[in-house]
Amino acid sequence: MKEHAIQYRVILYDSEDYQKTLPLRDVTLRQPWGQSIADDDLSSEADDYIYGAFDGDRLIGMSVLQEGESFDRLRYMAVDEQYRHCGIGSVIARHFEAIARQKGKAGIRLMARTSVIDFYEALGYVAEGERFYPDHIAVEHQYMRLYFS
């Protein structure tokens, strides 16, 4: 763990680096609920901004920023369990915030598992509406937004 300085970079859809996102997302976001990332239709990510954290050649964190009208959408935040609480998710989220601000967006929205609400609140996100269970995931979630105003 942490043998190299963590490097952050854009990940191009369907590239070698992109292929590394699939097992990370599968282990972090799908397998705990008995699902597989292979069941997700990720074809729209060809139009999204994907950003990752690397320790050498190893992908250790990533997320997707999806274009929206007023608010961009942060999706698929995943950080390798061995690298959690090291600031990787925060760096990725702040990078997305800078991009959305440059584009003149009102903020960023997301759908968070309830287990990570505190993480997003620490970044300035606020909960919106009631907690819920999405149709495709049997895990409680919360809509959240970061407002730039």
Protein backbone atom coordinates (compact mmCIF):
# COMPACT_ATOMS: atom_id res chain seq x y z
CA MET A 1 0.00 0.00 0.00
CA LYS A 2 1.14 3.56 -0.76
CA GLU A 3 4.52 2.57 -2.18
CA HIS A 4 4.31 5.38 -4.75
CA ALA A 5 2.94 8.89 -4.67
CA ILE A 6 -0.74 8.83 -5.56
CA GLN A 7 -1.31 10.19 -9.06
CA TYR A 8 -4.64 11.41 -10.39
CA ARG A 9 -5.61 11.39 -14.05
CA VAL A 10 -8.45 11.33 -16.52
CA ILE A 11 -9.60 7.87 -17.56
CA LEU A 12 -10.78 7.50 -21.14
CA TYR A 13 -13.81 5.34 -21.75
CA ASP A 14 -12.94 1.78 -22.84
CA SER A 15 -9.20 2.36 -22.36
CA GLU A 16 -6.89 0.05 -20.40
CA ASP A 17 -7.34 2.32 -17.36
CA TYR A 18 -11.12 2.19 -17.84
CA GLN A 19 -11.02 -1.60 -17.74
CA LYS A 20 -9.37 -1.28 -14.31
CA THR A 21 -12.43 0.60 -13.03
CA LEU A 22 -14.68 -2.40 -13.54
CA PRO A 23 -13.25 -4.74 -10.89
CA LEU A 24 -12.86 -1.85 -8.41
CA ARG A 25 -16.50 -0.85 -8.86
CA ASP A 26 -17.60 -4.46 -8.78
CA VAL A 27 -15.87 -5.22 -5.46
CA THR A 28 -16.78 -1.89 -3.86
CA LEU A 29 -20.24 -1.09 -5.18
CA ARG A 30 -21.86 -4.28 -6.46
CA GLN A 31 -20.58 -7.50 -4.85
CA PRO A 32 -21.55 -6.42 -1.29
CA TRP A 33 -25.18 -6.43 -2.45
CA GLY A 34 -24.91 -9.67 -4.40
CA GLN A 35 -24.78 -7.91 -7.78
CA SER A 36 -22.26 -7.55 -10.58
CA ILE A 37 -20.99 -4.47 -12.42
CA ALA A 38 -21.39 -6.59 -15.57
CA ASP A 39 -25.16 -6.11 -15.16
CA ASP A 40 -24.85 -2.31 -15.40
CA ASP A 41 -25.23 -0.57 -18.75
CA LEU A 42 -22.16 1.66 -18.75
CA SER A 43 -22.33 2.68 -22.41
CA SER A 44 -23.33 6.26 -21.51
CA GLU A 45 -19.95 6.69 -19.82
CA ALA A 46 -18.45 7.29 -23.26
CA ASP A 47 -19.80 10.85 -22.82
CA ASP A 48 -18.83 11.24 -19.14
CA TYR A 49 -15.73 12.55 -17.38
CA ILE A 50 -14.00 9.71 -15.53
CA TYR A 51 -11.22 10.44 -13.06
CA GLY A 52 -9.00 8.05 -11.14
CA ALA A 53 -6.36 7.78 -8.46
CA PHE A 54 -3.42 5.48 -9.10
CA ASP A 55 -0.70 4.02 -6.89
CA GLY A 56 1.80 3.14 -9.58
CA ASP A 57 -0.22 1.23 -12.18
CA ARG A 58 -2.87 0.19 -9.67
CA LEU A 59 -6.22 2.00 -9.77
CA ILE A 60 -7.16 2.71 -6.16
CA GLY A 61 -10.01 5.20 -6.54
CA MET A 62 -12.30 6.58 -9.20
CA SER A 63 -15.57 8.29 -9.94
CA VAL A 64 -17.63 9.51 -12.87
CA LEU A 65 -18.93 13.04 -13.48
CA GLN A 66 -22.00 13.08 -15.69
CA GLU A 67 -23.11 16.24 -17.48
CA GLY A 68 -26.38 17.75 -16.30
CA GLU A 69 -28.34 20.89 -17.11
CA SER A 70 -27.91 22.90 -13.90
CA PHE A 71 -26.22 20.26 -11.77
CA ASP A 72 -23.63 17.73 -12.88
CA ARG A 73 -23.98 14.28 -11.31
CA LEU A 74 -21.27 12.46 -9.37
CA ARG A 75 -21.56 8.69 -9.87
CA TYR A 76 -19.74 5.48 -8.97
CA MET A 77 -17.36 6.85 -6.33
CA ALA A 78 -15.21 3.85 -5.42
CA VAL A 79 -12.02 3.74 -3.34
CA ASP A 80 -10.05 0.58 -2.64
CA GLU A 81 -10.67 -0.47 0.96
CA GLN A 82 -6.93 -0.35 1.78
CA TYR A 83 -6.81 3.32 0.73
CA ARG A 84 -9.93 4.65 2.43
CA HIS A 85 -9.61 7.56 4.86
CA CYS A 86 -6.53 8.82 2.99
CA GLY A 87 -8.31 11.71 1.24
CA ILE A 88 -8.59 10.07 -2.20
CA GLY A 89 -12.37 10.41 -2.46
CA SER A 90 -12.14 14.02 -1.31
CA VAL A 91 -9.53 14.86 -3.95
CA ILE A 92 -11.71 13.33 -6.68
CA ALA A 93 -14.86 15.10 -5.44
CA ARG A 94 -13.07 18.47 -5.23
CA HIS A 95 -11.67 17.97 -8.74
CA PHE A 96 -15.22 17.40 -10.02
CA GLU A 97 -16.36 20.49 -8.12
CA ALA A 98 -13.74 22.61 -9.90
CA ILE A 99 -14.82 21.26 -13.29
CA ALA A 100 -18.50 21.89 -12.62
CA ARG A 101 -17.75 25.43 -11.41
CA GLN A 102 -15.72 26.14 -14.57
CA LYS A 103 -18.72 25.05 -16.64
CA GLY A 104 -20.98 27.43 -14.73
CA LYS A 105 -23.04 24.72 -13.05
CA ALA A 106 -25.16 25.44 -9.97
CA GLY A 107 -23.57 22.48 -8.18
CA ILE A 108 -23.29 18.71 -8.12
CA ARG A 109 -25.89 16.12 -7.23
CA LEU A 110 -25.50 12.49 -6.26
CA MET A 111 -27.23 9.47 -4.82
CA ALA A 112 -25.28 8.22 -1.78
CA ARG A 113 -25.50 5.03 0.20
CA THR A 114 -26.45 5.99 3.74
CA SER A 115 -23.12 4.61 5.00
CA VAL A 116 -21.25 7.46 3.23
CA ILE A 117 -23.56 10.40 3.98
CA ASP A 118 -21.10 11.76 6.57
CA PHE A 119 -18.31 11.77 3.97
CA TYR A 120 -20.36 13.89 1.57
CA GLU A 121 -21.67 16.19 4.32
CA ALA A 122 -18.05 16.92 5.29
CA LEU A 123 -17.55 18.10 1.68
CA GLY A 124 -20.55 20.45 1.94
CA TYR A 125 -23.26 18.29 0.38
CA VAL A 126 -26.74 18.46 1.89
CA ALA A 127 -29.33 15.70 2.04
CA GLU A 128 -32.51 16.21 0.02
CA GLY A 129 -35.76 14.36 0.53
CA GLU A 130 -36.26 11.09 2.35
CA ARG A 131 -33.97 8.10 2.29
CA PHE A 132 -35.03 5.42 -0.17
CA TYR A 133 -34.20 2.08 -1.76
CA PRO A 134 -33.48 2.31 -5.51
CA ASP A 135 -35.26 -0.22 -7.71
CA HIS A 136 -32.05 -2.00 -8.64
CA ILE A 137 -30.16 -1.95 -5.29
CA ALA A 138 -31.41 -3.26 -1.95
CA VAL A 139 -29.36 -0.68 -0.03
CA GLU A 140 -30.76 2.51 1.48
CA HIS A 141 -29.71 5.70 -0.34
CA GLN A 142 -30.02 9.46 0.05
CA TYR A 143 -30.16 12.15 -2.62
CA MET A 144 -27.59 14.87 -1.91
CA ARG A 145 -26.51 18.12 -3.53
CA LEU A 146 -23.61 20.51 -3.32
CA TYR A 147 -24.72 24.05 -4.08
CA PHE A 148 -22.13 26.51 -5.38
CA SER A 149 -24.01 29.70 -4.50
